[in-house]
Amino acid sequence: MPYFHITQTEGKNFVFSLKKDEIILGRKDDNDIVIAEGQASRVHAKVTKKADGYYVADMGSYNGTKVNGEPVKEALLNEGDVIRIGKTTLVYSESKKRAKQKSKADGLTLKNNEEAWMQQVISSVANMKDCRDSASLLATLVPQPKATAKEMATPQFQDDVSALERSNKVLFVLYEVSRQLNALQEFEELLDKIMELIFKVIDVDYGFLFLIGDEGPDDLRPVVIKSKAGKTADSAKMRASRTIIRKVIQDKVALLTSDAMDDSRFSVSESIATRKIHSAMCVPLWDKEKIIGVIQLTSTRLGNIYTERDLELLTTIGCQMAMVIGQAQLNQQIRAEEEMRKRLERFHSPQVIEMILKGGQSTQEELMEPKEVQATVLFTDIAGFTPLAERMPPREVTLLLNKHFSHMTDIIFEFGGTLDKYIGDGLMAVFGAPVEEPDDAERAVSAALKMREEFLKLREAEDQAESFDMRLGLNSGSVVAGNIGSPRRMDYTVIGDAVNIAARLESAAESNQILIGEETYKLVKGKFKINKVGAKKLKGKSAEIMAYEVVK
């Protein structure tokens, strides 16, 4: 019984027994052998048992089927023959033990003189004093002097030289990309540089790089557009064929056409005829299982026809470019998160920050959008600070305020509050925005008690005892919380009558006293020692407000 010894793109190897008289190969899940890669068609090839042996036939696939490196329509399989579909290889053998594959399987078998030549190349590269001129890596390979004219004329020899030249180009691009990653900081500048490298290794008239936006496959964002003719190129021609791009994204395969205007796959496309595209290649850029963009290369010259080898080279470069894009996008995301974290750290507790960042962009926008919430607002102020500032040097006043605010802010964050703003020698904090919790009022009062305790300790340490005091006022109720301001500057804050009452209670408090309003009292009653102060006439309010003092 014959077998296929199969090697897949991810390096997986397995043996398949040819038990059936007809075996289908391709990307479809119900095929006998599933080739799960972008260059395979859904039904790519068929293996059929006939009287004289097994035959492999291409089923009209986009990228073709090769046997021992040569494209075939149908071919009889012999011991050691290698079928290649994309990057997947299937070695035919009459036994379960893998046969020695023929030299054309991967297009390269090194003889002794070639091994010596490779050692010479490796030694030369290792001894290079200056690697800045990487274009020297693109030198055309010269046949060995020991090779005879007859050997050089054989298809095998020509294939070996072509494979080495193609590998040389790939190494050149990979080297340059790695070098530019360290030299260039701007993402789009790096992509533009990679497109320049593509123009160096492939004869291209027009090159395009598109990334897929958030709206899906139809949301294509042009990132790089390049012409061999430079800025003087016809702008009408410097537009990619959306027909080709849509087919690549839809079928999830790399696409090559040697005569686009006569290709039945694009017969309905006016753009190809308008731009006079004769030969074109387009490869998808993969991020795991998702296509994130495409590279399209086109030629308008009749004699410039792209080959399977060009497509393989572009696919390899595309893989490298996809990794660069993925890493750059990740770095961009990390930088954006760091910037967001820095902004949030000024006003929100660590718990709230983590929740906002983990929620992503939609959660951030939703939380910051103005909306009505139930919250508890806390105001503090230093009483007697003005005369103290008159007696102290400005630098000492600044140091004292910074130390005070640092301690007070830490306490706000400790109890899950949000710092709204500093107001002179006072501050405003909110509990319940941007995230409401059932115990917002209780945490606000606990924070106020600890702030007063910490303040008294700081005052004693500054040897300014009895020279200045602290007032605190809290109130609960409905407020509007969100980013509020002008288009040029938006700040996260809360507004509403509950905020005004909290500010007035703080102004009405005596030295080191914590006053709370009626709504806050109802929410924390029985959880703290609270004394009723009575109705107070507050500035700006027509009716008196019932006030309570939190003792401990």
Protein backbone atom coordinates (compact mmCIF):
# COMPACT_ATOMS: atom_id res chain seq x y z
CA MET A 1 0.00 0.00 0.00
CA PRO A 2 1.42 3.43 -0.93
CA TYR A 3 1.63 6.34 1.49
CA PHE A 4 1.99 10.11 1.65
CA HIS A 5 4.53 11.42 4.16
CA ILE A 6 3.12 14.90 4.82
CA THR A 7 4.91 17.95 6.25
CA GLN A 8 2.69 20.94 7.04
CA THR A 9 3.63 24.63 7.32
CA GLU A 10 3.74 24.59 11.12
CA GLY A 11 6.23 21.69 11.03
CA LYS A 12 3.73 18.89 11.76
CA ASN A 13 4.52 15.53 10.13
CA PHE A 14 2.19 12.57 9.62
CA VAL A 15 1.64 9.59 7.33
CA PHE A 16 -1.49 9.13 5.20
CA SER A 17 -2.41 5.71 3.73
CA LEU A 18 -3.73 5.71 0.15
CA LYS A 19 -6.55 3.24 0.85
CA LYS A 20 -9.07 4.85 -1.50
CA ASP A 21 -8.96 4.98 -5.29
CA GLU A 22 -9.68 8.71 -5.24
CA ILE A 23 -8.38 11.21 -2.68
CA ILE A 24 -9.20 14.93 -2.61
CA LEU A 25 -6.73 17.51 -1.25
CA GLY A 26 -7.58 21.11 -0.35
CA ARG A 27 -8.67 23.62 2.22
CA LYS A 28 -12.24 22.33 2.76
CA ASP A 29 -12.78 20.54 6.06
CA ASP A 30 -14.45 17.52 4.40
CA ASN A 31 -11.52 16.81 2.05
CA ASP A 32 -9.59 13.55 2.52
CA ILE A 33 -6.41 15.54 3.18
CA VAL A 34 -6.99 19.04 4.56
CA ILE A 35 -4.34 21.61 3.55
CA ALA A 36 -5.06 24.32 6.10
CA GLU A 37 -3.15 27.24 4.63
CA GLY A 38 -3.90 30.36 2.62
CA GLN A 39 -2.26 29.28 -0.66
CA ALA A 40 -4.40 26.14 -0.94
CA SER A 41 -7.73 26.29 -2.77
CA ARG A 42 -10.85 24.76 -1.26
CA VAL A 43 -10.58 21.80 -3.65
CA HIS A 44 -6.98 21.98 -4.79
CA ALA A 45 -5.90 18.61 -6.23
CA LYS A 46 -7.00 14.99 -6.70
CA VAL A 47 -5.03 11.74 -6.43
CA THR A 48 -6.51 8.87 -8.52
CA LYS A 49 -5.55 5.19 -8.73
CA LYS A 50 -5.27 3.96 -12.32
CA ALA A 51 -4.02 0.75 -13.94
CA ASP A 52 -0.39 1.87 -14.05
CA GLY A 53 -0.28 3.64 -10.68
CA TYR A 54 -1.39 6.73 -8.78
CA TYR A 55 -1.84 10.03 -10.59
CA VAL A 56 -2.08 13.53 -9.07
CA ALA A 57 -4.15 16.11 -10.97
CA ASP A 58 -4.59 19.82 -10.28
CA MET A 59 -8.27 20.80 -9.89
CA GLY A 60 -7.95 24.28 -11.38
CA SER A 61 -6.46 25.76 -8.22
CA TYR A 62 -5.39 29.41 -8.05
CA ASN A 63 -1.79 28.72 -7.08
CA GLY A 64 -1.24 25.42 -8.87
CA THR A 65 0.14 22.01 -7.87
CA LYS A 66 3.83 21.13 -8.20
CA VAL A 67 5.51 17.73 -8.47
CA ASN A 68 9.26 17.83 -7.80
CA GLY A 69 9.21 21.61 -8.21
CA GLU A 70 7.40 21.67 -11.58
CA PRO A 71 3.78 22.83 -12.04
CA VAL A 72 1.59 19.98 -13.35
CA LYS A 73 -1.90 19.42 -14.64
CA GLU A 74 -1.60 15.65 -14.13
CA ALA A 75 1.38 13.46 -13.33
CA LEU A 76 2.12 9.81 -12.53
CA LEU A 77 3.64 9.47 -9.06
CA ASN A 78 6.87 7.49 -8.59
CA GLU A 79 8.81 6.56 -5.46
CA GLY A 80 10.11 9.72 -3.71
CA ASP A 81 8.09 12.17 -5.79
CA VAL A 82 7.12 15.29 -3.86
CA ILE A 83 3.80 17.07 -4.29
CA ARG A 84 3.87 20.67 -3.11
CA ILE A 85 0.74 22.70 -2.35
CA GLY A 86 1.69 26.08 -0.95
CA LYS A 87 4.15 25.31 1.82
CA THR A 88 2.79 21.79 2.45
CA THR A 89 4.75 18.86 1.00
CA LEU A 90 3.54 15.29 0.40
CA VAL A 91 6.24 12.69 -0.36
CA TYR A 92 4.92 9.61 -2.24
CA SER A 93 6.28 6.26 -1.06
CA GLU A 94 5.37 2.61 -1.56
CA SER A 95 6.25 1.88 2.06
CA LYS A 96 5.38 3.40 5.42
CA LYS A 97 9.05 4.26 5.85
CA ARG A 98 9.67 7.63 4.31
CA ALA A 99 11.39 7.51 0.93
CA LYS A 100 14.35 9.70 0.08
CA GLN A 101 12.71 12.64 -1.65
CA LYS A 102 13.93 13.76 -5.03
CA SER A 103 16.26 16.73 -5.25
CA LYS A 104 13.69 19.03 -6.84
CA ALA A 105 11.38 18.72 -3.84
CA ASP A 106 12.54 21.96 -2.35
CA GLY A 107 14.55 23.10 -5.35
CA LEU A 108 17.96 22.72 -3.71
CA THR A 109 20.39 19.89 -2.98
CA LEU A 110 23.89 21.01 -2.13
CA LYS A 111 26.83 19.16 -3.65
CA ASN A 112 30.31 19.26 -2.14
CA ASN A 113 31.40 22.31 -4.13
CA GLU A 114 28.16 24.13 -3.20
CA GLU A 115 28.70 23.33 0.48
CA ALA A 116 32.16 24.84 0.20
CA TRP A 117 30.66 27.90 -1.50
CA MET A 118 28.12 28.30 1.31
CA GLN A 119 30.89 28.04 3.91
CA GLN A 120 32.73 30.78 2.05
CA VAL A 121 29.64 33.01 2.13
CA ILE A 122 29.13 32.41 5.86
CA SER A 123 32.80 33.14 6.57
CA SER A 124 32.65 36.33 4.48
CA VAL A 125 29.58 37.62 6.29
CA ALA A 126 31.10 36.81 9.68
CA ASN A 127 34.23 38.79 8.81
CA MET A 128 32.43 41.86 7.43
CA LYS A 129 33.71 45.00 9.16
CA ASP A 130 30.78 47.17 8.10
CA CYS A 131 27.27 45.81 7.53
CA ARG A 132 25.63 49.14 6.80
CA ASP A 133 25.71 48.63 3.03
CA SER A 134 23.22 45.75 3.03
CA ALA A 135 22.60 46.18 -0.72
CA SER A 136 25.80 44.21 -1.23
CA LEU A 137 23.88 41.17 0.01
CA LEU A 138 21.86 41.33 -3.22
CA ALA A 139 24.83 40.46 -5.44
CA THR A 140 23.83 38.09 -8.26
CA LEU A 141 25.03 34.56 -7.65
CA VAL A 142 27.81 33.42 -10.01
CA PRO A 143 28.07 29.72 -10.99
CA GLN A 144 31.03 27.83 -9.63
CA PRO A 145 34.05 27.69 -11.93
CA LYS A 146 34.13 23.90 -11.40
CA ALA A 147 30.68 23.54 -12.96
CA THR A 148 30.79 22.45 -16.58
CA ALA A 149 28.74 24.04 -19.36
CA LYS A 150 26.68 20.87 -19.52
CA GLU A 151 25.94 21.00 -15.77
CA MET A 152 25.01 24.68 -15.95
CA ALA A 153 22.56 23.96 -18.76
CA THR A 154 20.57 21.39 -16.76
CA PRO A 155 17.18 22.43 -15.29
CA GLN A 156 18.36 21.18 -11.89
CA PHE A 157 21.35 23.52 -11.89
CA GLN A 158 19.22 26.48 -12.99
CA ASP A 159 16.64 25.67 -10.31
CA ASP A 160 19.36 25.51 -7.65
CA VAL A 161 20.76 28.91 -8.66
CA SER A 162 17.25 30.46 -8.79
CA ALA A 163 16.45 29.05 -5.35
CA LEU A 164 19.69 30.47 -3.93
CA GLU A 165 18.96 33.87 -5.46
CA ARG A 166 15.43 33.81 -4.02
CA SER A 167 16.78 32.83 -0.58
CA ASN A 168 19.34 35.60 -0.93
CA LYS A 169 16.56 38.13 -1.51
CA VAL A 170 14.57 36.86 1.46
CA LEU A 171 17.62 37.08 3.74
CA PHE A 172 18.31 40.59 2.49
CA VAL A 173 14.75 41.76 3.29
CA LEU A 174 14.70 40.06 6.70
CA TYR A 175 18.07 41.59 7.58
CA GLU A 176 16.94 45.06 6.50
CA VAL A 177 13.61 44.81 8.35
CA SER A 178 15.41 43.78 11.56
CA ARG A 179 17.86 46.66 11.14
CA GLN A 180 15.13 49.22 10.49
CA LEU A 181 13.15 48.06 13.52
CA ASN A 182 15.94 49.44 15.69
CA ALA A 183 16.50 52.57 13.60
CA LEU A 184 12.96 53.80 12.93
CA GLN A 185 10.44 54.79 15.58
CA GLU A 186 7.46 55.79 13.46
CA PHE A 187 5.19 52.89 12.49
CA GLU A 188 4.17 54.15 9.04
CA GLU A 189 7.74 55.16 8.21
CA LEU A 190 8.81 51.57 8.88
CA LEU A 191 6.08 50.18 6.61
CA ASP A 192 7.13 52.59 3.87
CA LYS A 193 10.72 51.34 4.23
CA ILE A 194 9.59 47.71 3.87
CA MET A 195 7.75 48.62 0.66
CA GLU A 196 10.99 50.15 -0.63
CA LEU A 197 12.71 46.83 0.06
CA ILE A 198 10.02 44.99 -1.90
CA PHE A 199 10.72 47.26 -4.88
CA LYS A 200 14.40 46.30 -4.62
CA VAL A 201 13.82 42.55 -4.83
CA ILE A 202 10.77 42.45 -7.16
CA ASP A 203 10.30 44.38 -10.40
CA VAL A 204 7.18 46.40 -9.48
CA ASP A 205 5.38 49.32 -11.15
CA TYR A 206 2.95 50.04 -8.31
CA GLY A 207 2.87 48.79 -4.72
CA PHE A 208 0.09 49.15 -2.17
CA LEU A 209 -0.29 48.27 1.50
CA PHE A 210 -3.78 48.32 2.99
CA LEU A 211 -4.76 47.65 6.60
CA ILE A 212 -8.29 46.54 7.49
CA GLY A 213 -10.10 48.99 9.80
CA ASP A 214 -12.50 48.37 12.67
CA GLU A 215 -15.54 48.27 10.38
CA GLY A 216 -14.52 45.01 8.68
CA PRO A 217 -13.09 43.85 5.31
CA ASP A 218 -14.67 46.72 3.37
CA ASP A 219 -12.96 49.26 5.64
CA LEU A 220 -9.58 49.35 3.87
CA ARG A 221 -7.10 52.01 4.98
CA PRO A 222 -4.26 52.75 2.52
CA VAL A 223 -1.04 53.01 4.53
CA VAL A 224 1.64 52.86 1.82
CA ILE A 225 1.27 53.69 -1.90
CA LYS A 226 4.44 53.56 -3.97
CA SER A 227 5.29 53.90 -7.66
CA LYS A 228 8.42 52.88 -9.52
CA ALA A 229 8.17 56.16 -11.43
CA GLY A 230 8.02 58.24 -8.25
CA LYS A 231 5.85 61.34 -7.79
CA THR A 232 5.52 61.91 -11.54
CA ALA A 233 3.42 58.76 -11.91
CA ASP A 234 -0.11 58.96 -13.30
CA SER A 235 -2.34 59.41 -10.23
CA ALA A 236 -5.18 57.53 -11.97
CA LYS A 237 -2.97 54.43 -12.17
CA MET A 238 -1.80 54.74 -8.56
CA ARG A 239 -4.96 53.12 -7.27
CA ALA A 240 -5.11 49.49 -6.27
CA SER A 241 -7.59 47.03 -7.73
CA ARG A 242 -10.28 46.55 -5.08
CA THR A 243 -11.54 43.53 -7.05
CA ILE A 244 -8.29 41.65 -6.47
CA ILE A 245 -8.09 42.73 -2.82
CA ARG A 246 -11.68 41.64 -2.12
CA LYS A 247 -10.99 38.23 -3.66
CA VAL A 248 -7.87 37.73 -1.53
CA ILE A 249 -9.71 38.70 1.68
CA GLN A 250 -12.83 36.71 0.79
CA ASP A 251 -11.04 33.50 -0.28
CA LYS A 252 -8.22 33.96 2.24
CA VAL A 253 -5.55 33.05 -0.31
CA ALA A 254 -2.56 34.69 -1.95
CA LEU A 255 -3.37 35.54 -5.55
CA LEU A 256 -1.24 35.68 -8.69
CA THR A 257 -2.39 36.63 -12.17
CA SER A 258 -0.07 36.82 -15.18
CA ASP A 259 -2.68 38.46 -17.43
CA ALA A 260 -5.21 40.28 -15.27
CA MET A 261 -7.15 41.80 -18.14
CA ASP A 262 -7.80 38.33 -19.62
CA ASP A 263 -8.28 36.55 -16.30
CA SER A 264 -11.79 35.08 -15.95
CA ARG A 265 -11.69 35.68 -12.20
CA PHE A 266 -11.76 39.45 -12.78
CA SER A 267 -13.88 39.70 -15.95
CA VAL A 268 -16.34 42.10 -14.32
CA SER A 269 -13.64 44.48 -13.05
CA GLU A 270 -13.43 47.81 -14.83
CA SER A 271 -10.62 48.98 -12.53
CA ILE A 272 -8.18 46.41 -13.94
CA ALA A 273 -8.84 47.52 -17.51
CA THR A 274 -8.80 51.23 -16.60
CA ARG A 275 -5.43 50.94 -14.86
CA LYS A 276 -4.07 48.61 -17.59
CA ILE A 277 -2.94 46.02 -15.04
CA HIS A 278 -1.26 43.14 -16.88
CA SER A 279 0.33 41.20 -14.02
CA ALA A 280 -0.52 41.40 -10.33
CA MET A 281 0.14 39.73 -7.00
CA CYS A 282 -1.75 40.18 -3.76
CA VAL A 283 -1.06 38.46 -0.43
CA PRO A 284 -2.97 38.65 2.85
CA LEU A 285 -1.26 39.76 6.06
CA TRP A 286 -2.20 37.37 8.86
CA ASP A 287 -2.43 37.98 12.60
CA LYS A 288 -3.01 34.42 13.81
CA GLU A 289 -6.37 33.47 12.24
CA LYS A 290 -7.30 36.99 11.20
CA ILE A 291 -6.40 38.95 8.06
CA ILE A 292 -5.29 42.44 9.10
CA GLY A 293 -4.30 43.78 5.69
CA VAL A 294 -3.00 43.03 2.20
CA ILE A 295 -0.01 43.86 -0.01
CA GLN A 296 -0.76 44.30 -3.70
CA LEU A 297 1.89 44.63 -6.42
CA THR A 298 0.95 45.43 -10.01
CA SER A 299 2.75 45.79 -13.33
CA THR A 300 1.44 47.59 -16.41
CA ARG A 301 4.23 46.32 -18.68
CA LEU A 302 3.44 43.42 -21.03
CA GLY A 303 6.85 41.79 -20.62
CA ASN A 304 6.93 41.97 -16.81
CA ILE A 305 5.10 38.81 -15.70
CA TYR A 306 5.12 37.69 -12.06
CA THR A 307 5.80 34.04 -11.30
CA GLU A 308 5.06 31.59 -8.50
CA ARG A 309 8.53 32.31 -7.13
CA ASP A 310 7.73 36.01 -6.95
CA LEU A 311 4.54 35.14 -5.09
CA GLU A 312 6.46 32.95 -2.64
CA LEU A 313 8.93 35.77 -2.04
CA LEU A 314 6.15 38.32 -1.48
CA THR A 315 4.34 35.89 0.86
CA THR A 316 7.50 35.51 2.95
CA ILE A 317 7.94 39.27 3.13
CA GLY A 318 4.24 39.61 3.98
CA CYS A 319 4.67 37.28 6.96
CA GLN A 320 7.52 39.46 8.24
CA MET A 321 5.52 42.63 7.62
CA ALA A 322 2.51 41.18 9.45
CA MET A 323 4.71 40.50 12.49
CA VAL A 324 6.07 44.06 12.34
CA ILE A 325 2.53 45.46 12.14
CA GLY A 326 1.32 43.26 14.98
CA GLN A 327 4.23 44.27 17.21
CA ALA A 328 3.84 47.95 16.31
CA GLN A 329 0.12 47.87 17.05
CA LEU A 330 0.82 46.14 20.36
CA ASN A 331 3.43 48.77 21.23
CA GLN A 332 0.97 51.49 20.24
CA GLN A 333 -1.67 49.93 22.46
CA ILE A 334 0.78 49.68 25.37
CA ARG A 335 1.82 53.33 24.97
CA ALA A 336 -1.81 54.44 24.76
CA GLU A 337 -2.63 52.44 27.89
CA GLU A 338 0.35 53.94 29.73
CA GLU A 339 -0.74 57.45 28.77
CA MET A 340 -4.31 56.70 29.79
CA ARG A 341 -3.09 55.22 33.08
CA LYS A 342 -1.02 58.34 33.80
CA ARG A 343 -4.04 60.56 33.23
CA LEU A 344 -6.33 58.36 35.29
CA GLU A 345 -3.85 58.02 38.18
CA ARG A 346 -4.25 61.73 38.90
CA PHE A 347 -7.92 61.33 39.69
CA HIS A 348 -8.98 57.70 40.19
CA SER A 349 -8.17 54.88 42.56
CA PRO A 350 -6.15 51.89 41.28
CA GLN A 351 -9.26 49.66 41.37
CA VAL A 352 -11.21 52.03 39.14
CA ILE A 353 -8.24 52.43 36.78
CA GLU A 354 -7.91 48.67 36.27
CA MET A 355 -11.61 48.34 35.58
CA ILE A 356 -11.54 51.17 33.02
CA LEU A 357 -8.45 49.81 31.22
CA LYS A 358 -9.65 46.20 31.15
CA GLY A 359 -12.96 47.34 29.71
CA GLY A 360 -11.31 48.68 26.56
CA GLN A 361 -12.10 51.76 24.51
CA SER A 362 -15.88 51.29 24.55
CA THR A 363 -15.95 51.03 28.35
CA GLN A 364 -13.73 54.10 28.71
CA GLU A 365 -15.96 56.15 26.45
CA GLU A 366 -19.10 54.93 28.19
CA LEU A 367 -17.76 55.69 31.68
CA MET A 368 -16.55 59.16 30.70
CA GLU A 369 -19.74 60.11 28.85
CA PRO A 370 -21.87 62.54 30.99
CA LYS A 371 -24.65 60.67 32.77
CA GLU A 372 -26.74 60.95 35.94
CA VAL A 373 -25.52 58.94 38.92
CA GLN A 374 -26.06 58.76 42.68
CA ALA A 375 -22.87 59.84 44.41
CA THR A 376 -21.43 61.27 47.61
CA VAL A 377 -19.33 64.43 47.24
CA LEU A 378 -16.61 65.42 49.73
CA PHE A 379 -15.07 68.89 50.11
CA THR A 380 -12.12 69.77 52.35
CA ASP A 381 -10.45 73.08 53.11
CA ILE A 382 -7.64 74.32 55.36
CA ALA A 383 -8.96 77.02 57.69
CA GLY A 384 -6.45 79.70 58.68
CA PHE A 385 -4.08 78.84 55.86
CA THR A 386 -3.92 82.42 54.48
CA PRO A 387 -2.35 84.02 57.59
CA LEU A 388 -0.05 80.99 57.89
CA ALA A 389 1.14 81.50 54.31
CA GLU A 390 1.90 85.14 55.08
CA ARG A 391 4.33 84.11 57.84
CA MET A 392 6.08 81.33 55.87
CA PRO A 393 8.44 81.54 52.84
CA PRO A 394 6.67 80.59 49.56
CA ARG A 395 8.79 77.45 49.10
CA GLU A 396 7.84 76.14 52.55
CA VAL A 397 4.16 76.87 51.85
CA THR A 398 4.39 74.87 48.62
CA LEU A 399 6.09 71.94 50.34
CA LEU A 400 3.48 71.95 53.10
CA LEU A 401 0.57 71.97 50.63
CA ASN A 402 2.11 69.22 48.48
CA LYS A 403 2.63 67.01 51.53
CA HIS A 404 -0.95 67.67 52.68
CA PHE A 405 -2.49 66.93 49.27
CA SER A 406 -0.36 63.83 48.82
CA HIS A 407 -1.65 62.29 52.04
CA MET A 408 -5.26 63.34 51.42
CA THR A 409 -5.25 61.97 47.85
CA ASP A 410 -3.83 58.63 49.01
CA ILE A 411 -6.70 58.34 51.49
CA ILE A 412 -9.29 59.13 48.81
CA PHE A 413 -7.87 56.39 46.59
CA GLU A 414 -7.58 54.00 49.54
CA PHE A 415 -11.35 54.19 49.99
CA GLY A 416 -12.09 53.95 46.24
CA GLY A 417 -12.90 57.58 45.62
CA THR A 418 -12.19 59.86 42.67
CA LEU A 419 -10.19 63.06 43.04
CA ASP A 420 -12.20 65.69 41.16
CA LYS A 421 -9.92 68.68 41.60
CA TYR A 422 -7.71 70.75 43.90
CA ILE A 423 -9.20 74.12 44.83
CA GLY A 424 -6.55 76.42 46.33
CA ASP A 425 -5.80 74.83 49.70
CA GLY A 426 -8.83 72.53 49.45
CA LEU A 427 -9.97 69.64 47.32
CA MET A 428 -13.10 67.96 45.98
CA ALA A 429 -13.59 64.18 45.83
CA VAL A 430 -16.42 61.98 44.60
CA PHE A 431 -17.52 58.52 45.67
CA GLY A 432 -19.84 56.86 43.13
CA ALA A 433 -18.43 58.19 39.87
CA PRO A 434 -17.43 56.94 37.42
CA VAL A 435 -18.55 53.67 39.06
CA GLU A 436 -21.45 53.45 41.51
CA GLU A 437 -21.23 51.10 44.50
CA PRO A 438 -23.81 50.44 47.27
CA ASP A 439 -21.43 51.65 50.02
CA ASP A 440 -20.27 54.89 48.37
CA ALA A 441 -21.54 57.10 51.22
CA GLU A 442 -20.03 54.85 53.89
CA ARG A 443 -16.60 54.88 52.20
CA ALA A 444 -16.78 58.65 51.79
CA VAL A 445 -17.41 59.19 55.51
CA SER A 446 -14.66 56.69 56.43
CA ALA A 447 -12.27 58.60 54.18
CA ALA A 448 -13.25 61.91 55.82
CA LEU A 449 -12.54 60.53 59.29
CA LYS A 450 -9.12 59.23 58.26
CA MET A 451 -8.31 62.51 56.46
CA ARG A 452 -9.01 64.45 59.61
CA GLU A 453 -6.92 62.04 61.70
CA GLU A 454 -4.01 62.22 59.24
CA PHE A 455 -4.27 66.01 59.02
CA LEU A 456 -3.93 66.42 62.78
CA LYS A 457 -0.83 64.21 62.76
CA LEU A 458 0.74 66.26 59.97
CA ARG A 459 -0.04 69.49 61.76
CA GLU A 460 1.71 68.30 64.89
CA ALA A 461 4.72 67.13 62.85
CA GLU A 462 5.02 70.55 61.21
CA ASP A 463 5.22 72.21 64.64
CA GLN A 464 2.34 74.44 63.61
CA ALA A 465 -0.16 73.12 66.16
CA GLU A 466 -3.31 75.22 66.61
CA SER A 467 -2.22 77.59 63.79
CA PHE A 468 -4.45 76.08 61.09
CA ASP A 469 -7.34 73.65 60.99
CA MET A 470 -9.37 71.56 58.55
CA ARG A 471 -13.04 71.66 57.56
CA LEU A 472 -14.88 68.83 55.81
CA GLY A 473 -18.33 68.70 54.23
CA LEU A 474 -20.15 65.79 52.58
CA ASN A 475 -23.47 65.38 50.79
CA SER A 476 -25.15 62.65 48.74
CA GLY A 477 -27.60 62.85 45.88
CA SER A 478 -28.12 62.85 42.14
CA VAL A 479 -25.33 64.43 40.08
CA VAL A 480 -24.26 64.51 36.44
CA ALA A 481 -20.81 62.91 36.08
CA GLY A 482 -18.61 62.83 32.98
CA ASN A 483 -16.25 64.74 30.74
CA ILE A 484 -17.50 68.31 30.79
CA GLY A 485 -15.98 71.43 29.22
CA SER A 486 -15.17 72.84 25.81
CA PRO A 487 -13.94 70.91 22.73
CA ARG A 488 -10.44 72.24 23.45
CA ARG A 489 -10.40 71.01 27.04
CA MET A 490 -12.58 68.41 28.73
CA ASP A 491 -12.31 67.49 32.41
CA TYR A 492 -14.00 64.69 34.30
CA THR A 493 -16.16 66.21 37.03
CA VAL A 494 -19.60 66.12 38.68
CA ILE A 495 -22.18 68.88 38.77
CA GLY A 496 -25.56 69.26 40.49
CA ASP A 497 -27.27 70.59 43.59
CA ALA A 498 -25.80 67.81 45.75
CA VAL A 499 -22.33 69.16 44.89
CA ASN A 500 -23.27 72.72 45.87
CA ILE A 501 -24.69 71.60 49.24
CA ALA A 502 -21.50 69.63 50.04
CA ALA A 503 -19.40 72.75 49.31
CA ARG A 504 -21.65 74.90 51.53
CA LEU A 505 -21.52 72.38 54.39
CA GLU A 506 -17.72 72.46 54.26
CA SER A 507 -17.78 76.28 54.49
CA ALA A 508 -20.21 76.12 57.41
CA ALA A 509 -18.16 73.54 59.37
CA GLU A 510 -16.16 74.58 62.40
CA SER A 511 -12.47 73.79 62.91
CA ASN A 512 -11.73 70.10 62.29
CA GLN A 513 -15.44 69.35 62.03
CA ILE A 514 -17.04 66.92 59.54
CA LEU A 515 -20.55 68.00 58.49
CA ILE A 516 -22.84 65.78 56.40
CA GLY A 517 -26.20 66.45 54.77
CA GLU A 518 -29.57 64.75 55.30
CA GLU A 519 -29.17 62.28 52.38
CA THR A 520 -25.72 61.14 53.51
CA TYR A 521 -27.00 60.72 57.09
CA LYS A 522 -29.78 58.40 55.86
CA LEU A 523 -27.25 56.22 54.03
CA VAL A 524 -24.75 55.84 56.91
CA LYS A 525 -27.04 56.02 59.93
CA GLY A 526 -26.03 53.48 62.60
CA LYS A 527 -22.56 52.89 61.13
CA PHE A 528 -20.81 55.92 62.69
CA LYS A 529 -21.20 58.05 65.80
CA ILE A 530 -23.18 61.02 64.49
CA ASN A 531 -24.62 64.05 66.29
CA LYS A 532 -27.44 66.15 64.95
CA VAL A 533 -26.35 69.78 64.49
CA GLY A 534 -29.69 71.14 63.29
CA ALA A 535 -30.94 73.23 60.40
CA LYS A 536 -28.41 75.55 58.84
CA LYS A 537 -28.96 78.44 56.50
CA LEU A 538 -26.44 77.89 53.71
CA LYS A 539 -25.25 80.49 51.25
CA GLY A 540 -27.19 80.37 47.99
CA LYS A 541 -29.97 78.12 49.38
CA SER A 542 -33.45 79.51 50.06
CA ALA A 543 -34.39 76.72 52.48
CA GLU A 544 -32.46 75.62 55.53
CA ILE A 545 -30.50 72.36 55.30
CA MET A 546 -30.39 69.81 58.12
CA ALA A 547 -26.78 69.15 59.10
CA TYR A 548 -25.15 66.35 61.09
CA GLU A 549 -21.66 66.04 62.58
CA VAL A 550 -19.66 62.82 62.25
CA VAL A 551 -17.75 62.31 65.47
CA LYS A 552 -16.11 58.95 64.78
